[in-house]
C-alpha atoms as a PDB file:
ATOM      1  CA  VAL A   1     127.800 -37.032  91.585  1.00  0.00           C
ATOM      2  CA  LYS A   2     129.119 -40.223  93.086  1.00  0.00           C
ATOM      3  CA  MET A   3     132.695 -41.161  92.361  1.00  0.00           C
ATOM      4  CA  GLU A   4     134.072 -44.592  92.929  1.00  0.00           C
ATOM      5  CA  LYS A   5     137.085 -44.468  95.231  1.00  0.00           C
ATOM      6  CA  LEU A   6     139.831 -46.663  93.863  1.00  0.00           C
ATOM      7  CA  PRO A   7     142.376 -48.197  96.222  1.00  0.00           C
ATOM      8  CA  GLU A   8     145.865 -46.731  96.421  1.00  0.00           C
ATOM      9  CA  LEU A   9     148.434 -48.639  94.373  1.00  0.00           C
ATOM     10  CA  ASP A  10     150.830 -49.424  97.185  1.00  0.00           C
ATOM     11  CA  ASP A  11     152.301 -52.409  99.048  1.00  0.00           C
ATOM     12  CA  GLU A  12     149.073 -52.930 100.990  1.00  0.00           C
ATOM     13  CA  PHE A  13     147.117 -53.182  97.741  1.00  0.00           C
ATOM     14  CA  ALA A  14     149.664 -55.690  96.407  1.00  0.00           C
ATOM     15  CA  LYS A  15     149.328 -57.834  99.551  1.00  0.00           C
ATOM     16  CA  ASP A  16     145.542 -57.839  99.120  1.00  0.00           C
ATOM     17  CA  VAL A  17     145.905 -59.129  95.557  1.00  0.00           C
ATOM     18  CA  SER A  18     147.744 -62.294  96.568  1.00  0.00           C
ATOM     19  CA  ASP A  19     149.107 -63.931  99.691  1.00  0.00           C
ATOM     20  CA  ASN A  20     152.366 -64.572  97.813  1.00  0.00           C
ATOM     21  CA  ILE A  21     152.923 -60.910  96.956  1.00  0.00           C
ATOM     22  CA  GLN A  22     154.527 -58.610  99.537  1.00  0.00           C
ATOM     23  CA  SER A  23     155.105 -55.362  97.624  1.00  0.00           C
ATOM     24  CA  LEU A  24     153.877 -53.317  94.702  1.00  0.00           C
ATOM     25  CA  GLN A  25     157.220 -53.881  92.985  1.00  0.00           C
ATOM     26  CA  GLN A  26     156.811 -57.651  93.358  1.00  0.00           C
ATOM     27  CA  LEU A  27     153.262 -57.394  91.964  1.00  0.00           C
ATOM     28  CA  LYS A  28     154.545 -55.476  88.934  1.00  0.00           C
ATOM     29  CA  GLN A  29     157.246 -58.096  88.395  1.00  0.00           C
ATOM     30  CA  GLU A  30     154.687 -60.903  88.634  1.00  0.00           C
ATOM     31  CA  ILE A  31     152.364 -59.181  86.150  1.00  0.00           C
ATOM     32  CA  THR A  32     155.270 -58.630  83.750  1.00  0.00           C
ATOM     33  CA  ARG A  33     156.359 -62.266  84.113  1.00  0.00           C
ATOM     34  CA  SER A  34     152.808 -63.489  83.527  1.00  0.00           C
ATOM     35  CA  LEU A  35     152.246 -61.277  80.464  1.00  0.00           C
ATOM     36  CA  THR A  36     155.624 -62.266  79.022  1.00  0.00           C
ATOM     37  CA  GLN A  37     154.835 -65.954  79.571  1.00  0.00           C
ATOM     38  CA  GLU A  38     151.436 -65.542  77.872  1.00  0.00           C
ATOM     39  CA  LYS A  39     153.048 -63.719  74.952  1.00  0.00           C
ATOM     40  CA  GLU A  40     155.712 -66.401  74.540  1.00  0.00           C
ATOM     41  CA  GLU A  41     153.063 -69.138  74.663  1.00  0.00           C
ATOM     42  CA  ARG A  42     150.967 -67.317  72.049  1.00  0.00           C
ATOM     43  CA  GLU A  43     154.033 -66.918  69.819  1.00  0.00           C
ATOM     44  CA  ARG A  44     154.855 -70.623  70.271  1.00  0.00           C
ATOM     45  CA  ARG A  45     151.300 -71.571  69.247  1.00  0.00           C
ATOM     46  CA  ASP A  46     151.578 -69.252  66.232  1.00  0.00           C
ATOM     47  CA  ARG A  47     154.841 -70.949  65.177  1.00  0.00           C
ATOM     48  CA  ILE A  48     153.203 -74.367  65.554  1.00  0.00           C
ATOM     49  CA  ASP A  49     150.184 -73.270  63.507  1.00  0.00           C
ATOM     50  CA  ALA A  50     152.476 -71.841  60.814  1.00  0.00           C
ATOM     51  CA  ALA A  51     154.521 -75.054  60.731  1.00  0.00           C
ATOM     52  CA  LYS A  52     151.384 -77.210  60.430  1.00  0.00           C
ATOM     53  CA  THR A  53     150.058 -74.951  57.679  1.00  0.00           C
ATOM     54  CA  ALA A  54     153.354 -75.212  55.790  1.00  0.00           C
ATOM     55  CA  LEU A  55     153.374 -79.002  56.191  1.00  0.00           C
ATOM     56  CA  ASN A  56     149.822 -79.172  54.850  1.00  0.00           C
ATOM     57  CA  LYS A  57     150.727 -77.050  51.814  1.00  0.00           C
ATOM     58  CA  LEU A  58     153.957 -78.940  51.115  1.00  0.00           C
ATOM     59  CA  HIS A  59     152.312 -82.376  51.301  1.00  0.00           C
ATOM     60  CA  PRO A  60     149.059 -82.465  49.352  1.00  0.00           C
ATOM     61  CA  PHE A  61     147.800 -86.049  49.184  1.00  0.00           C
ATOM     62  CA  GLU A  62     144.506 -87.896  49.293  1.00  0.00           C
ATOM     63  CA  LEU A  63     143.408 -88.464  52.867  1.00  0.00           C
ATOM     64  CA  PRO A  64     141.755 -91.628  54.143  1.00  0.00           C
ATOM     65  CA  PRO A  65     138.038 -90.707  54.395  1.00  0.00           C
ATOM     66  CA  ALA A  66     137.644 -92.759  57.581  1.00  0.00           C
ATOM     67  CA  LEU A  67     140.307 -90.685  59.378  1.00  0.00           C
ATOM     68  CA  VAL A  68     138.741 -87.423  58.220  1.00  0.00           C
ATOM     69  CA  ALA A  69     135.296 -88.627  59.339  1.00  0.00           C
ATOM     70  CA  LYS A  70     136.668 -89.651  62.745  1.00  0.00           C
ATOM     71  CA  GLN A  71     138.341 -86.247  63.204  1.00  0.00           C
ATOM     72  CA  PHE A  72     135.178 -84.478  61.998  1.00  0.00           C
ATOM     73  CA  GLY A  73     133.194 -86.366  64.661  1.00  0.00           C
ATOM     74  CA  ALA A  74     135.692 -85.413  67.352  1.00  0.00           C
ATOM     75  CA  LEU A  75     135.510 -81.748  66.337  1.00  0.00           C
ATOM     76  CA  SER A  76     131.694 -81.854  66.354  1.00  0.00           C
ATOM     77  CA  ARG A  77     131.654 -83.431  69.821  1.00  0.00           C
ATOM     78  CA  HIS A  78     134.117 -80.824  71.067  1.00  0.00           C
ATOM     79  CA  LEU A  79     131.957 -78.025  69.674  1.00  0.00           C
ATOM     80  CA  ASN A  80     128.918 -79.527  71.424  1.00  0.00           C
ATOM     81  CA  GLN A  81     130.782 -79.777  74.737  1.00  0.00           C
ATOM     82  CA  MET A  82     132.120 -76.218  74.502  1.00  0.00           C
ATOM     83  CA  GLY A  83     128.705 -74.672  74.690  1.00  0.00           C
ATOM     84  CA  GLY A  84     127.150 -77.424  76.733  1.00  0.00           C
ATOM     85  CA  GLY A  85     124.412 -77.906  74.129  1.00  0.00           C
ATOM     86  CA  PRO A  86     123.653 -79.472  70.806  1.00  0.00           C
ATOM     87  CA  LEU A  87     125.214 -78.297  67.582  1.00  0.00           C
ATOM     88  CA  ALA A  88     121.903 -76.743  66.499  1.00  0.00           C
ATOM     89  CA  GLU A  89     122.157 -74.339  69.458  1.00  0.00           C
ATOM     90  CA  HIS A  90     125.541 -73.135  68.208  1.00  0.00           C
ATOM     91  CA  LEU A  91     124.168 -72.702  64.724  1.00  0.00           C
ATOM     92  CA  LYS A  92     121.387 -70.487  66.059  1.00  0.00           C
ATOM     93  CA  GLN A  93     123.642 -68.600  68.455  1.00  0.00           C
ATOM     94  CA  PHE A  94     126.342 -67.786  65.911  1.00  0.00           C
ATOM     95  CA  GLY A  95     124.094 -67.592  62.862  1.00  0.00           C
ATOM     96  CA  HIS A  96     126.084 -70.169  60.901  1.00  0.00           C
ATOM     97  CA  ALA A  97     124.365 -72.195  58.264  1.00  0.00           C
ATOM     98  CA  ARG A  98     124.745 -75.913  58.920  1.00  0.00           C
ATOM     99  CA  GLU A  99     126.379 -76.433  55.537  1.00  0.00           C
ATOM    100  CA  LYS A 100     129.015 -73.757  56.150  1.00  0.00           C
ATOM    101  CA  LEU A 101     129.781 -75.105  59.611  1.00  0.00           C
ATOM    102  CA  ASN A 102     130.088 -78.632  58.220  1.00  0.00           C
ATOM    103  CA  ARG A 103     132.419 -77.389  55.455  1.00  0.00           C
ATOM    104  CA  ASP A 104     134.545 -75.523  58.000  1.00  0.00           C
ATOM    105  CA  LEU A 105     134.688 -78.526  60.316  1.00  0.00           C
ATOM    106  CA  ASN A 106     135.572 -80.809  57.415  1.00  0.00           C
ATOM    107  CA  GLN A 107     138.396 -78.471  56.278  1.00  0.00           C
ATOM    108  CA  THR A 108     139.714 -78.372  59.824  1.00  0.00           C
ATOM    109  CA  ALA A 109     139.475 -82.163  60.081  1.00  0.00           C
ATOM    110  CA  GLU A 110     141.413 -82.559  56.821  1.00  0.00           C
ATOM    111  CA  PHE A 111     144.038 -80.069  58.006  1.00  0.00           C
ATOM    112  CA  LEU A 112     144.506 -81.897  61.328  1.00  0.00           C
ATOM    113  CA  VAL A 113     144.572 -85.367  59.759  1.00  0.00           C
ATOM    114  CA  ARG A 114     147.121 -84.326  57.125  1.00  0.00           C
ATOM    115  CA  ALA A 115     149.337 -82.655  59.737  1.00  0.00           C
ATOM    116  CA  ASP A 116     149.032 -85.766  61.920  1.00  0.00           C
ATOM    117  CA  LEU A 117     150.053 -88.108  59.087  1.00  0.00           C
ATOM    118  CA  VAL A 118     152.949 -85.902  57.991  1.00  0.00           C
ATOM    119  CA  LEU A 119     154.213 -85.613  61.572  1.00  0.00           C
ATOM    120  CA  ASP A 120     153.934 -89.415  61.969  1.00  0.00           C
ATOM    121  CA  ALA A 121     156.068 -89.854  58.848  1.00  0.00           C
ATOM    122  CA  LEU A 122     158.583 -87.220  59.967  1.00  0.00           C
ATOM    123  CA  ALA A 123     158.896 -88.800  63.418  1.00  0.00           C
ATOM    124  CA  ARG A 124     159.579 -92.212  61.797  1.00  0.00           C
ATOM    125  CA  GLN A 125     162.007 -90.732  59.262  1.00  0.00           C
ATOM    126  CA  GLU A 126     163.955 -88.899  61.962  1.00  0.00           C
ATOM    127  CA  ASN A 127     163.755 -91.918  64.296  1.00  0.00           C
ATOM    128  CA  ILE A 128     162.296 -89.762  67.057  1.00  0.00           C
ATOM    129  CA  GLN A 129     162.207 -91.615  70.360  1.00  0.00           C
ATOM    130  CA  VAL A 130     160.105 -90.735  73.396  1.00  0.00           C
ATOM    131  CA  SER A 131     161.484 -91.413  76.875  1.00  0.00           C
ATOM    132  CA  GLU A 132     159.482 -92.242  79.981  1.00  0.00           C
ATOM    133  CA  THR A 133     160.591 -88.918  81.455  1.00  0.00           C
ATOM    134  CA  GLU A 134     159.160 -87.066  78.445  1.00  0.00           C
ATOM    135  CA  LEU A 135     155.882 -88.982  78.841  1.00  0.00           C
ATOM    136  CA  GLN A 136     155.711 -88.010  82.499  1.00  0.00           C
ATOM    137  CA  GLN A 137     156.486 -84.373  81.673  1.00  0.00           C
ATOM    138  CA  LYS A 138     153.756 -84.328  79.001  1.00  0.00           C
ATOM    139  CA  ALA A 139     151.235 -85.844  81.434  1.00  0.00           C
ATOM    140  CA  ALA A 140     152.239 -83.290  84.094  1.00  0.00           C
ATOM    141  CA  GLY A 141     151.806 -80.510  81.534  1.00  0.00           C
ATOM    142  CA  ILE A 142     148.309 -81.723  80.667  1.00  0.00           C
ATOM    143  CA  ILE A 143     147.416 -81.955  84.349  1.00  0.00           C
ATOM    144  CA  GLU A 144     148.596 -78.369  84.900  1.00  0.00           C
ATOM    145  CA  GLN A 145     146.993 -77.006  81.722  1.00  0.00           C
ATOM    146  CA  GLU A 146     143.659 -78.686  82.388  1.00  0.00           C
ATOM    147  CA  LYS A 147     143.860 -77.769  86.090  1.00  0.00           C
ATOM    148  CA  ILE A 148     143.048 -81.317  87.159  1.00  0.00           C
ATOM    149  CA  PRO A 149     142.460 -81.340  90.933  1.00  0.00           C
ATOM    150  CA  ALA A 150     144.962 -83.287  93.030  1.00  0.00           C
ATOM    151  CA  ASP A 151     142.337 -85.822  94.104  1.00  0.00           C
ATOM    152  CA  GLN A 152     141.607 -86.667  90.427  1.00  0.00           C
ATOM    153  CA  ILE A 153     145.190 -87.023  89.153  1.00  0.00           C
ATOM    154  CA  LYS A 154     145.427 -90.742  89.942  1.00  0.00           C
ATOM    155  CA  GLU A 155     142.216 -91.431  88.016  1.00  0.00           C
ATOM    156  CA  PHE A 156     143.431 -89.265  85.113  1.00  0.00           C
ATOM    157  CA  MET A 157     146.728 -91.175  84.970  1.00  0.00           C
ATOM    158  CA  GLN A 158     144.863 -94.503  84.898  1.00  0.00           C
ATOM    159  CA  GLN A 159     142.628 -93.357  82.033  1.00  0.00           C
ATOM    160  CA  ILE A 160     145.331 -91.786  79.910  1.00  0.00           C
ATOM    161  CA  ASN A 161     146.267 -93.684  76.755  1.00  0.00           C
ATOM    162  CA  VAL A 162     150.062 -93.982  76.839  1.00  0.00           C
ATOM    163  CA  ASN A 163     150.283 -94.597  73.077  1.00  0.00           C
ATOM    164  CA  VAL A 164     148.331 -91.407  72.335  1.00  0.00           C
ATOM    165  CA  LEU A 165     150.541 -89.504  74.777  1.00  0.00           C
ATOM    166  CA  ARG A 166     153.676 -90.986  73.182  1.00  0.00           C
ATOM    167  CA  LYS A 167     152.404 -89.908  69.751  1.00  0.00           C
ATOM    168  CA  LYS A 168     151.749 -86.351  71.015  1.00  0.00           C
ATOM    169  CA  VAL A 169     155.283 -86.093  72.379  1.00  0.00           C
ATOM    170  CA  ALA A 170     156.748 -87.463  69.121  1.00  0.00           C
ATOM    171  CA  HIS A 171     154.670 -84.931  67.160  1.00  0.00           C
ATOM    172  CA  ASP A 172     155.864 -82.120  69.443  1.00  0.00           C
ATOM    173  CA  LYS A 173     159.468 -83.150  68.827  1.00  0.00           C
ATOM    174  CA  ALA A 174     158.871 -83.400  65.064  1.00  0.00           C
ATOM    175  CA  LEU A 175     157.279 -79.936  65.081  1.00  0.00           C
ATOM    176  CA  ASP A 176     160.258 -78.616  67.032  1.00  0.00           C
ATOM    177  CA  LEU A 177     162.494 -79.934  64.233  1.00  0.00           C
ATOM    178  CA  VAL A 178     160.361 -78.254  61.574  1.00  0.00           C
ATOM    179  CA  ILE A 179     160.340 -74.960  63.479  1.00  0.00           C
ATOM    180  CA  LYS A 180     164.079 -75.180  64.162  1.00  0.00           C
ATOM    181  CA  HIS A 181     164.802 -75.459  60.440  1.00  0.00           C
ATOM    182  CA  ALA A 182     162.132 -72.997  59.308  1.00  0.00           C
ATOM    183  CA  ARG A 183     162.619 -69.353  58.470  1.00  0.00           C
ATOM    184  CA  ILE A 184     160.598 -67.424  61.039  1.00  0.00           C
ATOM    185  CA  THR A 185     159.493 -63.984  59.867  1.00  0.00           C
ATOM    186  CA  THR A 186     157.712 -62.453  62.853  1.00  0.00           C
ATOM    187  CA  ALA A 187     158.712 -59.433  64.880  1.00  0.00           C
ATOM    188  CA  SER A 188     157.706 -58.846  68.463  1.00  0.00           C
ATOM    189  CA  LYS A 189     158.036 -56.185  71.107  1.00  0.00           C
ATOM    190  CA  PRO A 190     158.652 -56.883  74.812  1.00  0.00           C
ATOM    191  CA  PHE A 191     155.987 -56.146  77.403  1.00  0.00           C
ATOM    192  CA  SER A 192     156.443 -53.502  80.026  1.00  0.00           C
ATOM    193  CA  VAL A 193     154.339 -52.586  83.039  1.00  0.00           C
END
């Protein structure tokens, strides 16, 4: 019987994991920090989703069909790019009927459009302003999140639509207001390693 020999969990192992890690204790701290950061980000996304859902439920109104169609198209293109193939490939792969997928995409499009319009109105109502510093921070966040290589950052910054970026920041600030004044009813436990 062959048994795989696992490395000893010691400082040498930790140094092999990363050039920036010098001890097992430091590795444990880094793992804890990383898991905590991931958990906090997941909880933040959950709060945002809950806020958008509440906004959608609180503000039922007829949506402009052109905006829904545009969002539907964007979602379809994104789905095509995710798998690197045509939508029909996804339908086969996941066993979805085209009609069900189209209904799901349309519901998602309506949800996103409604949330977008409500957040636009809230940002105007609250006179939310976006500074140049906030725009730069948002762009830097996108660059980090998308892992844009250093040699492509200049091109990315030239292609970015400042008005779209400004709108995203205003929406983020409006969502922060909604979340700040919302009753949050989630419980969480801290990570430990």
